[in-house]
PDB file of N, CA and C in Angstrom:
ATOM      1  N   MET A   1     -80.546   3.537 -19.268  1.00  0.00           N
ATOM      2  CA  MET A   1     -81.007   4.896 -19.444  1.00  0.00           C
ATOM      3  C   MET A   1     -80.064   5.839 -18.701  1.00  0.00           C
ATOM      4  N   THR A   2     -79.554   6.819 -19.394  1.00  0.00           N
ATOM      5  CA  THR A   2     -78.631   7.768 -18.793  1.00  0.00           C
ATOM      6  C   THR A   2     -79.406   8.888 -18.111  1.00  0.00           C
ATOM      7  N   ARG A   3     -78.964   9.256 -16.941  1.00  0.00           N
ATOM      8  CA  ARG A   3     -79.604  10.341 -16.203  1.00  0.00           C
ATOM      9  C   ARG A   3     -79.281  11.672 -16.871  1.00  0.00           C
ATOM     10  N   MET A   4     -80.146  12.645 -16.680  1.00  0.00           N
ATOM     11  CA  MET A   4     -80.030  13.921 -17.366  1.00  0.00           C
ATOM     12  C   MET A   4     -79.094  14.907 -16.683  1.00  0.00           C
ATOM     13  N   TYR A   5     -78.635  14.608 -15.498  1.00  0.00           N
ATOM     14  CA  TYR A   5     -77.805  15.567 -14.776  1.00  0.00           C
ATOM     15  C   TYR A   5     -76.789  14.821 -13.936  1.00  0.00           C
ATOM     16  N   ASN A   6     -75.836  15.569 -13.430  1.00  0.00           N
ATOM     17  CA  ASN A   6     -74.808  15.000 -12.569  1.00  0.00           C
ATOM     18  C   ASN A   6     -75.130  15.401 -11.129  1.00  0.00           C
ATOM     19  N   PRO A   7     -75.752  14.508 -10.357  1.00  0.00           N
ATOM     20  CA  PRO A   7     -76.134  14.881  -8.990  1.00  0.00           C
ATOM     21  C   PRO A   7     -74.911  15.113  -8.112  1.00  0.00           C
ATOM     22  N   PRO A   8     -75.013  16.024  -7.167  1.00  0.00           N
ATOM     23  CA  PRO A   8     -73.881  16.274  -6.272  1.00  0.00           C
ATOM     24  C   PRO A   8     -73.707  15.127  -5.289  1.00  0.00           C
ATOM     25  N   HIS A   9     -72.493  14.968  -4.828  1.00  0.00           N
ATOM     26  CA  HIS A   9     -72.233  14.023  -3.745  1.00  0.00           C
ATOM     27  C   HIS A   9     -72.965  14.559  -2.516  1.00  0.00           C
ATOM     28  N   PRO A  10     -73.584  13.686  -1.709  1.00  0.00           N
ATOM     29  CA  PRO A  10     -74.305  14.173  -0.522  1.00  0.00           C
ATOM     30  C   PRO A  10     -73.414  14.956   0.440  1.00  0.00           C
ATOM     31  N   GLY A  11     -72.125  14.677   0.424  1.00  0.00           N
ATOM     32  CA  GLY A  11     -71.207  15.448   1.267  1.00  0.00           C
ATOM     33  C   GLY A  11     -71.169  16.915   0.878  1.00  0.00           C
ATOM     34  N   GLU A  12     -71.300  17.172  -0.410  1.00  0.00           N
ATOM     35  CA  GLU A  12     -71.339  18.554  -0.888  1.00  0.00           C
ATOM     36  C   GLU A  12     -72.607  19.249  -0.400  1.00  0.00           C
ATOM     37  N   VAL A  13     -73.720  18.540  -0.458  1.00  0.00           N
ATOM     38  CA  VAL A  13     -74.996  19.078   0.035  1.00  0.00           C
ATOM     39  C   VAL A  13     -74.887  19.347   1.530  1.00  0.00           C
ATOM     40  N   LEU A  14     -74.304  18.412   2.255  1.00  0.00           N
ATOM     41  CA  LEU A  14     -74.112  18.557   3.695  1.00  0.00           C
ATOM     42  C   LEU A  14     -73.216  19.752   4.000  1.00  0.00           C
ATOM     43  N   ARG A  15     -72.116  19.850   3.285  1.00  0.00           N
ATOM     44  CA  ARG A  15     -71.161  20.946   3.492  1.00  0.00           C
ATOM     45  C   ARG A  15     -71.834  22.300   3.273  1.00  0.00           C
ATOM     46  N   ASP A  16     -72.571  22.425   2.167  1.00  0.00           N
ATOM     47  CA  ASP A  16     -73.229  23.687   1.850  1.00  0.00           C
ATOM     48  C   ASP A  16     -74.368  24.000   2.816  1.00  0.00           C
ATOM     49  N   GLY A  17     -75.080  22.978   3.255  1.00  0.00           N
ATOM     50  CA  GLY A  17     -76.236  23.192   4.120  1.00  0.00           C
ATOM     51  C   GLY A  17     -75.909  23.414   5.580  1.00  0.00           C
ATOM     52  N   VAL A  18     -74.854  22.778   6.070  1.00  0.00           N
ATOM     53  CA  VAL A  18     -74.542  22.843   7.498  1.00  0.00           C
ATOM     54  C   VAL A  18     -73.470  23.872   7.809  1.00  0.00           C
ATOM     55  N   PHE A  19     -72.473  23.963   6.977  1.00  0.00           N
ATOM     56  CA  PHE A  19     -71.308  24.776   7.334  1.00  0.00           C
ATOM     57  C   PHE A  19     -71.315  26.175   6.723  1.00  0.00           C
ATOM     58  N   THR A  20     -72.359  26.481   5.970  1.00  0.00           N
ATOM     59  CA  THR A  20     -72.501  27.826   5.428  1.00  0.00           C
ATOM     60  C   THR A  20     -73.376  28.627   6.379  1.00  0.00           C
ATOM     61  N   ASP A  21     -72.823  29.637   6.969  1.00  0.00           N
ATOM     62  CA  ASP A  21     -73.555  30.575   7.848  1.00  0.00           C
ATOM     63  C   ASP A  21     -74.015  30.003   9.185  1.00  0.00           C
ATOM     64  N   THR A  22     -73.498  28.863   9.616  1.00  0.00           N
ATOM     65  CA  THR A  22     -73.908  28.339  10.929  1.00  0.00           C
ATOM     66  C   THR A  22     -72.840  28.561  11.990  1.00  0.00           C
ATOM     67  N   GLY A  23     -71.585  28.661  11.568  1.00  0.00           N
ATOM     68  CA  GLY A  23     -70.501  28.860  12.523  1.00  0.00           C
ATOM     69  C   GLY A  23     -70.018  27.582  13.187  1.00  0.00           C
ATOM     70  N   ILE A  24     -70.654  26.446  12.911  1.00  0.00           N
ATOM     71  CA  ILE A  24     -70.216  25.182  13.506  1.00  0.00           C
ATOM     72  C   ILE A  24     -69.001  24.661  12.742  1.00  0.00           C
ATOM     73  N   THR A  25     -68.087  24.056  13.454  1.00  0.00           N
ATOM     74  CA  THR A  25     -66.896  23.493  12.817  1.00  0.00           C
ATOM     75  C   THR A  25     -67.123  22.027  12.492  1.00  0.00           C
ATOM     76  N   VAL A  26     -66.265  21.493  11.661  1.00  0.00           N
ATOM     77  CA  VAL A  26     -66.331  20.070  11.316  1.00  0.00           C
ATOM     78  C   VAL A  26     -66.156  19.234  12.577  1.00  0.00           C
ATOM     79  N   THR A  27     -65.228  19.623  13.421  1.00  0.00           N
ATOM     80  CA  THR A  27     -64.984  18.883  14.664  1.00  0.00           C
ATOM     81  C   THR A  27     -66.207  18.908  15.568  1.00  0.00           C
ATOM     82  N   GLU A  28     -66.842  20.076  15.712  1.00  0.00           N
ATOM     83  CA  GLU A  28     -68.035  20.184  16.556  1.00  0.00           C
ATOM     84  C   GLU A  28     -69.187  19.344  16.005  1.00  0.00           C
ATOM     85  N   PHE A  29     -69.373  19.394  14.702  1.00  0.00           N
ATOM     86  CA  PHE A  29     -70.473  18.622  14.118  1.00  0.00           C
ATOM     87  C   PHE A  29     -70.193  17.128  14.195  1.00  0.00           C
ATOM     88  N   ALA A  30     -68.942  16.735  13.989  1.00  0.00           N
ATOM     89  CA  ALA A  30     -68.573  15.322  14.124  1.00  0.00           C
ATOM     90  C   ALA A  30     -68.857  14.840  15.541  1.00  0.00           C
ATOM     91  N   ASP A  31     -68.503  15.652  16.538  1.00  0.00           N
ATOM     92  CA  ASP A  31     -68.788  15.290  17.938  1.00  0.00           C
ATOM     93  C   ASP A  31     -70.291  15.145  18.156  1.00  0.00           C
ATOM     94  N   ARG A  32     -71.070  16.040  17.574  1.00  0.00           N
ATOM     95  CA  ARG A  32     -72.521  15.984  17.700  1.00  0.00           C
ATOM     96  C   ARG A  32     -73.075  14.689  17.106  1.00  0.00           C
ATOM     97  N   LEU A  33     -72.469  14.264  15.986  1.00  0.00           N
ATOM     98  CA  LEU A  33     -72.909  13.035  15.322  1.00  0.00           C
ATOM     99  C   LEU A  33     -72.378  11.772  16.001  1.00  0.00           C
ATOM    100  N   GLY A  34     -71.352  11.922  16.829  1.00  0.00           N
ATOM    101  CA  GLY A  34     -70.747  10.762  17.484  1.00  0.00           C
ATOM    102  C   GLY A  34     -69.795  10.006  16.571  1.00  0.00           C
ATOM    103  N   ILE A  35     -69.145  10.747  15.666  1.00  0.00           N
ATOM    104  CA  ILE A  35     -68.171  10.146  14.744  1.00  0.00           C
ATOM    105  C   ILE A  35     -66.876  10.947  14.802  1.00  0.00           C
ATOM    106  N   THR A  36     -65.853  10.439  14.147  1.00  0.00           N
ATOM    107  CA  THR A  36     -64.584  11.166  14.140  1.00  0.00           C
ATOM    108  C   THR A  36     -64.622  12.300  13.120  1.00  0.00           C
ATOM    109  N   ARG A  37     -63.774  13.290  13.350  1.00  0.00           N
ATOM    110  CA  ARG A  37     -63.640  14.395  12.416  1.00  0.00           C
ATOM    111  C   ARG A  37     -63.175  13.893  11.066  1.00  0.00           C
ATOM    112  N   VAL A  38     -62.298  12.910  11.077  1.00  0.00           N
ATOM    113  CA  VAL A  38     -61.779  12.338   9.834  1.00  0.00           C
ATOM    114  C   VAL A  38     -62.902  11.692   9.028  1.00  0.00           C
ATOM    115  N   MET A  39     -63.767  10.947   9.704  1.00  0.00           N
ATOM    116  CA  MET A  39     -64.878  10.293   9.007  1.00  0.00           C
ATOM    117  C   MET A  39     -65.793  11.342   8.361  1.00  0.00           C
ATOM    118  N   LEU A  40     -66.130  12.378   9.114  1.00  0.00           N
ATOM    119  CA  LEU A  40     -66.994  13.425   8.575  1.00  0.00           C
ATOM    120  C   LEU A  40     -66.304  14.165   7.436  1.00  0.00           C
ATOM    121  N   SER A  41     -65.034  14.441   7.585  1.00  0.00           N
ATOM    122  CA  SER A  41     -64.273  15.122   6.539  1.00  0.00           C
ATOM    123  C   SER A  41     -64.260  14.315   5.249  1.00  0.00           C
ATOM    124  N   ARG A  42     -64.131  12.998   5.347  1.00  0.00           N
ATOM    125  CA  ARG A  42     -64.147  12.141   4.157  1.00  0.00           C
ATOM    126  C   ARG A  42     -65.486  12.227   3.436  1.00  0.00           C
ATOM    127  N   VAL A  43     -66.574  12.287   4.188  1.00  0.00           N
ATOM    128  CA  VAL A  43     -67.900  12.439   3.573  1.00  0.00           C
ATOM    129  C   VAL A  43     -68.008  13.813   2.920  1.00  0.00           C
ATOM    130  N   LEU A  44     -67.634  14.854   3.646  1.00  0.00           N
ATOM    131  CA  LEU A  44     -67.749  16.219   3.132  1.00  0.00           C
ATOM    132  C   LEU A  44     -66.941  16.431   1.854  1.00  0.00           C
ATOM    133  N   ASN A  45     -65.823  15.722   1.729  1.00  0.00           N
ATOM    134  CA  ASN A  45     -64.958  15.866   0.561  1.00  0.00           C
ATOM    135  C   ASN A  45     -65.234  14.834  -0.529  1.00  0.00           C
ATOM    136  N   GLY A  46     -66.317  14.076  -0.386  1.00  0.00           N
ATOM    137  CA  GLY A  46     -66.703  13.115  -1.406  1.00  0.00           C
ATOM    138  C   GLY A  46     -65.823  11.889  -1.475  1.00  0.00           C
ATOM    139  N   LYS A  47     -65.046  11.632  -0.437  1.00  0.00           N
ATOM    140  CA  LYS A  47     -64.164  10.459  -0.405  1.00  0.00           C
ATOM    141  C   LYS A  47     -64.838   9.248   0.216  1.00  0.00           C
ATOM    142  N   ALA A  48     -65.959   9.467   0.891  1.00  0.00           N
ATOM    143  CA  ALA A  48     -66.734   8.376   1.499  1.00  0.00           C
ATOM    144  C   ALA A  48     -68.209   8.668   1.266  1.00  0.00           C
ATOM    145  N   GLY A  49     -68.977   7.607   1.158  1.00  0.00           N
ATOM    146  CA  GLY A  49     -70.403   7.748   0.926  1.00  0.00           C
ATOM    147  C   GLY A  49     -71.189   7.790   2.218  1.00  0.00           C
ATOM    148  N   ILE A  50     -72.472   8.024   2.062  1.00  0.00           N
ATOM    149  CA  ILE A  50     -73.399   8.043   3.194  1.00  0.00           C
ATOM    150  C   ILE A  50     -73.916   6.624   3.406  1.00  0.00           C
ATOM    151  N   SER A  51     -73.563   6.032   4.525  1.00  0.00           N
ATOM    152  CA  SER A  51     -74.061   4.702   4.881  1.00  0.00           C
ATOM    153  C   SER A  51     -75.428   4.859   5.544  1.00  0.00           C
ATOM    154  N   ALA A  52     -76.102   3.750   5.751  1.00  0.00           N
ATOM    155  CA  ALA A  52     -77.388   3.792   6.449  1.00  0.00           C
ATOM    156  C   ALA A  52     -77.209   4.370   7.850  1.00  0.00           C
ATOM    157  N   GLU A  53     -76.142   3.971   8.519  1.00  0.00           N
ATOM    158  CA  GLU A  53     -75.873   4.480   9.874  1.00  0.00           C
ATOM    159  C   GLU A  53     -75.637   5.989   9.843  1.00  0.00           C
ATOM    160  N   MET A  54     -74.846   6.450   8.878  1.00  0.00           N
ATOM    161  CA  MET A  54     -74.580   7.887   8.777  1.00  0.00           C
ATOM    162  C   MET A  54     -75.861   8.636   8.439  1.00  0.00           C
ATOM    163  N   ALA A  55     -76.703   8.054   7.588  1.00  0.00           N
ATOM    164  CA  ALA A  55     -77.970   8.685   7.225  1.00  0.00           C
ATOM    165  C   ALA A  55     -78.855   8.882   8.453  1.00  0.00           C
ATOM    166  N   VAL A  56     -78.891   7.897   9.330  1.00  0.00           N
ATOM    167  CA  VAL A  56     -79.690   8.003  10.554  1.00  0.00           C
ATOM    168  C   VAL A  56     -79.122   9.093  11.463  1.00  0.00           C
ATOM    169  N   ARG A  57     -77.813   9.139  11.587  1.00  0.00           N
ATOM    170  CA  ARG A  57     -77.176  10.177  12.412  1.00  0.00           C
ATOM    171  C   ARG A  57     -77.475  11.576  11.867  1.00  0.00           C
ATOM    172  N   LEU A  58     -77.315  11.741  10.550  1.00  0.00           N
ATOM    173  CA  LEU A  58     -77.570  13.047   9.938  1.00  0.00           C
ATOM    174  C   LEU A  58     -79.035  13.449  10.080  1.00  0.00           C
ATOM    175  N   ALA A  59     -79.920  12.500   9.855  1.00  0.00           N
ATOM    176  CA  ALA A  59     -81.353  12.790   9.964  1.00  0.00           C
ATOM    177  C   ALA A  59     -81.709  13.256  11.366  1.00  0.00           C
ATOM    178  N   THR A  60     -81.147  12.609  12.356  1.00  0.00           N
ATOM    179  CA  THR A  60     -81.423  12.979  13.741  1.00  0.00           C
ATOM    180  C   THR A  60     -80.862  14.363  14.068  1.00  0.00           C
ATOM    181  N   ALA A  61     -79.642  14.632  13.646  1.00  0.00           N
ATOM    182  CA  ALA A  61     -78.996  15.907  13.950  1.00  0.00           C
ATOM    183  C   ALA A  61     -79.599  17.076  13.190  1.00  0.00           C
ATOM    184  N   LEU A  62     -80.109  16.825  11.989  1.00  0.00           N
ATOM    185  CA  LEU A  62     -80.557  17.912  11.130  1.00  0.00           C
ATOM    186  C   LEU A  62     -82.073  18.005  10.982  1.00  0.00           C
ATOM    187  N   GLY A  63     -82.799  17.046  11.557  1.00  0.00           N
ATOM    188  CA  GLY A  63     -84.249  17.070  11.435  1.00  0.00           C
ATOM    189  C   GLY A  63     -84.722  16.749  10.024  1.00  0.00           C
ATOM    190  N   THR A  64     -83.966  15.906   9.343  1.00  0.00           N
ATOM    191  CA  THR A  64     -84.325  15.477   7.988  1.00  0.00           C
ATOM    192  C   THR A  64     -84.674  13.998   8.042  1.00  0.00           C
ATOM    193  N   SER A  65     -84.823  13.372   6.894  1.00  0.00           N
ATOM    194  CA  SER A  65     -85.086  11.936   6.887  1.00  0.00           C
ATOM    195  C   SER A  65     -83.833  11.176   6.461  1.00  0.00           C
ATOM    196  N   ALA A  66     -83.651  10.009   7.035  1.00  0.00           N
ATOM    197  CA  ALA A  66     -82.528   9.160   6.644  1.00  0.00           C
ATOM    198  C   ALA A  66     -82.668   8.750   5.181  1.00  0.00           C
ATOM    199  N   GLU A  67     -83.906   8.537   4.756  1.00  0.00           N
ATOM    200  CA  GLU A  67     -84.159   8.130   3.375  1.00  0.00           C
ATOM    201  C   GLU A  67     -83.663   9.177   2.380  1.00  0.00           C
ATOM    202  N   SER A  68     -83.805  10.450   2.724  1.00  0.00           N
ATOM    203  CA  SER A  68     -83.359  11.496   1.794  1.00  0.00           C
ATOM    204  C   SER A  68     -81.848  11.445   1.590  1.00  0.00           C
ATOM    205  N   TRP A  69     -81.105  11.159   2.644  1.00  0.00           N
ATOM    206  CA  TRP A  69     -79.641  11.055   2.525  1.00  0.00           C
ATOM    207  C   TRP A  69     -79.250   9.834   1.713  1.00  0.00           C
ATOM    208  N   LEU A  70     -79.929   8.717   1.946  1.00  0.00           N
ATOM    209  CA  LEU A  70     -79.637   7.501   1.182  1.00  0.00           C
ATOM    210  C   LEU A  70     -80.040   7.663  -0.276  1.00  0.00           C
ATOM    211  N   HIS A  71     -81.117   8.370  -0.516  1.00  0.00           N
ATOM    212  CA  HIS A  71     -81.574   8.630  -1.884  1.00  0.00           C
ATOM    213  C   HIS A  71     -80.534   9.472  -2.632  1.00  0.00           C
ATOM    214  N   MET A  72     -80.019  10.509  -1.974  1.00  0.00           N
ATOM    215  CA  MET A  72     -78.971  11.331  -2.596  1.00  0.00           C
ATOM    216  C   MET A  72     -77.745  10.487  -2.940  1.00  0.00           C
ATOM    217  N   GLN A  73     -77.350   9.603  -2.010  1.00  0.00           N
ATOM    218  CA  GLN A  73     -76.176   8.762  -2.237  1.00  0.00           C
ATOM    219  C   GLN A  73     -76.430   7.803  -3.390  1.00  0.00           C
ATOM    220  N   ALA A  74     -77.620   7.203  -3.433  1.00  0.00           N
ATOM    221  CA  ALA A  74     -77.949   6.268  -4.513  1.00  0.00           C
ATOM    222  C   ALA A  74     -77.941   6.967  -5.870  1.00  0.00           C
ATOM    223  N   ASN A  75     -78.514   8.168  -5.937  1.00  0.00           N
ATOM    224  CA  ASN A  75     -78.501   8.924  -7.200  1.00  0.00           C
ATOM    225  C   ASN A  75     -77.085   9.229  -7.650  1.00  0.00           C
ATOM    226  N   TYR A  76     -76.249   9.626  -6.708  1.00  0.00           N
ATOM    227  CA  TYR A  76     -74.850   9.928  -7.024  1.00  0.00           C
ATOM    228  C   TYR A  76     -74.137   8.663  -7.507  1.00  0.00           C
ATOM    229  N   ASP A  77     -74.301   7.565  -6.785  1.00  0.00           N
ATOM    230  CA  ASP A  77     -73.642   6.305  -7.143  1.00  0.00           C
ATOM    231  C   ASP A  77     -74.093   5.796  -8.512  1.00  0.00           C
ATOM    232  N   LEU A  78     -75.398   5.880  -8.790  1.00  0.00           N
ATOM    233  CA  LEU A  78     -75.908   5.428 -10.085  1.00  0.00           C
ATOM    234  C   LEU A  78     -75.350   6.269 -11.230  1.00  0.00           C
ATOM    235  N   TRP A  79     -75.299   7.570 -11.037  1.00  0.00           N
ATOM    236  CA  TRP A  79     -74.749   8.454 -12.070  1.00  0.00           C
ATOM    237  C   TRP A  79     -73.287   8.070 -12.357  1.00  0.00           C
ATOM    238  N   GLN A  80     -72.496   7.887 -11.302  1.00  0.00           N
ATOM    239  CA  GLN A  80     -71.086   7.547 -11.456  1.00  0.00           C
ATOM    240  C   GLN A  80     -70.930   6.197 -12.149  1.00  0.00           C
ATOM    241  N   ALA A  81     -71.750   5.218 -11.772  1.00  0.00           N
ATOM    242  CA  ALA A  81     -71.668   3.886 -12.377  1.00  0.00           C
ATOM    243  C   ALA A  81     -72.035   3.934 -13.858  1.00  0.00           C
ATOM    244  N   GLU A  82     -73.108   4.644 -14.180  1.00  0.00           N
ATOM    245  CA  GLU A  82     -73.517   4.746 -15.582  1.00  0.00           C
ATOM    246  C   GLU A  82     -72.448   5.441 -16.419  1.00  0.00           C
ATOM    247  N   LYS A  83     -71.832   6.459 -15.851  1.00  0.00           N
ATOM    248  CA  LYS A  83     -70.780   7.195 -16.557  1.00  0.00           C
ATOM    249  C   LYS A  83     -69.559   6.296 -16.796  1.00  0.00           C
ATOM    250  N   SER A  84     -69.147   5.567 -15.777  1.00  0.00           N
ATOM    251  CA  SER A  84     -67.935   4.752 -15.906  1.00  0.00           C
ATOM    252  C   SER A  84     -68.156   3.482 -16.731  1.00  0.00           C
ATOM    253  N   LEU A  85     -69.388   3.010 -16.811  1.00  0.00           N
ATOM    254  CA  LEU A  85     -69.684   1.775 -17.541  1.00  0.00           C
ATOM    255  C   LEU A  85     -70.335   2.016 -18.900  1.00  0.00           C
ATOM    256  N   LYS A  86     -70.332   3.240 -19.363  1.00  0.00           N
ATOM    257  CA  LYS A  86     -71.061   3.609 -20.577  1.00  0.00           C
ATOM    258  C   LYS A  86     -70.762   2.682 -21.757  1.00  0.00           C
ATOM    259  N   ARG A  87     -69.506   2.415 -22.034  1.00  0.00           N
ATOM    260  CA  ARG A  87     -69.140   1.552 -23.174  1.00  0.00           C
ATOM    261  C   ARG A  87     -69.594   0.113 -22.969  1.00  0.00           C
ATOM    262  N   GLU A  88     -69.414  -0.402 -21.755  1.00  0.00           N
ATOM    263  CA  GLU A  88     -69.811  -1.770 -21.473  1.00  0.00           C
ATOM    264  C   GLU A  88     -71.333  -1.934 -21.533  1.00  0.00           C
ATOM    265  N   ILE A  89     -72.057  -0.942 -21.033  1.00  0.00           N
ATOM    266  CA  ILE A  89     -73.517  -1.001 -21.042  1.00  0.00           C
ATOM    267  C   ILE A  89     -74.053  -1.012 -22.465  1.00  0.00           C
ATOM    268  N   ALA A  90     -73.413  -0.271 -23.343  1.00  0.00           N
ATOM    269  CA  ALA A  90     -73.859  -0.202 -24.743  1.00  0.00           C
ATOM    270  C   ALA A  90     -73.802  -1.571 -25.422  1.00  0.00           C
ATOM    271  N   LYS A  91     -72.965  -2.479 -24.938  1.00  0.00           N
ATOM    272  CA  LYS A  91     -72.810  -3.813 -25.528  1.00  0.00           C
ATOM    273  C   LYS A  91     -73.833  -4.826 -25.008  1.00  0.00           C
ATOM    274  N   ILE A  92     -74.540  -4.479 -23.959  1.00  0.00           N
ATOM    275  CA  ILE A  92     -75.487  -5.415 -23.340  1.00  0.00           C
ATOM    276  C   ILE A  92     -76.789  -5.432 -24.120  1.00  0.00           C
ATOM    277  N   ARG A  93     -77.183  -6.647 -24.519  1.00  0.00           N
ATOM    278  CA  ARG A  93     -78.461  -6.830 -25.204  1.00  0.00           C
ATOM    279  C   ARG A  93     -79.525  -7.144 -24.159  1.00  0.00           C
ATOM    280  N   PRO A  94     -80.598  -6.387 -24.143  1.00  0.00           N
ATOM    281  CA  PRO A  94     -81.662  -6.633 -23.153  1.00  0.00           C
ATOM    282  C   PRO A  94     -82.300  -8.009 -23.370  1.00  0.00           C
ATOM    283  N   LEU A  95     -82.631  -8.664 -22.285  1.00  0.00           N
ATOM    284  CA  LEU A  95     -83.305  -9.947 -22.308  1.00  0.00           C
ATOM    285  C   LEU A  95     -84.798  -9.685 -22.421  1.00  0.00           C
ATOM    286  N   LYS A  96     -85.439 -10.340 -23.381  1.00  0.00           N
ATOM    287  CA  LYS A  96     -86.888 -10.167 -23.560  1.00  0.00           C
ATOM    288  C   LYS A  96     -87.595 -11.243 -22.771  1.00  0.00           C
ATOM    289  N   LEU A  97     -88.293 -10.825 -21.732  1.00  0.00           N
ATOM    290  CA  LEU A  97     -89.012 -11.761 -20.876  1.00  0.00           C
ATOM    291  C   LEU A  97     -90.430 -11.946 -21.384  1.00  0.00           C
ATOM    292  N   ALA A  98     -90.914 -13.159 -21.269  1.00  0.00           N
ATOM    293  CA  ALA A  98     -92.300 -13.452 -21.665  1.00  0.00           C
ATOM    294  C   ALA A  98     -93.247 -12.788 -20.675  1.00  0.00           C
ATOM    295  N   ALA A  99     -94.328 -12.257 -21.177  1.00  0.00           N
ATOM    296  CA  ALA A  99     -95.293 -11.561 -20.310  1.00  0.00           C
ATOM    297  C   ALA A  99     -96.205 -12.491 -19.576  1.00  0.00           C
TER     298      ALA A  99
END
């Protein structure tokens, strides 16, 4: 089943939510999270995903839930996988399991 929309990478959500109108820099926020600026920059630019560890760090720093960050990442990953595998998926015949 193809999803109806293209969900944003969680880094984009993070970038828009944290760095718009707060005045905090990437370096300052990375220090707050206890990670390198490079690691945070990779997430913000969609080059790296949100791991469980990163989700816990973000949830603690932002007062959100770790599950919400992982959910965003899973939605993004599923959309990308379905898009890239569209032709291969069309060839798969569903297995009919006995009830």
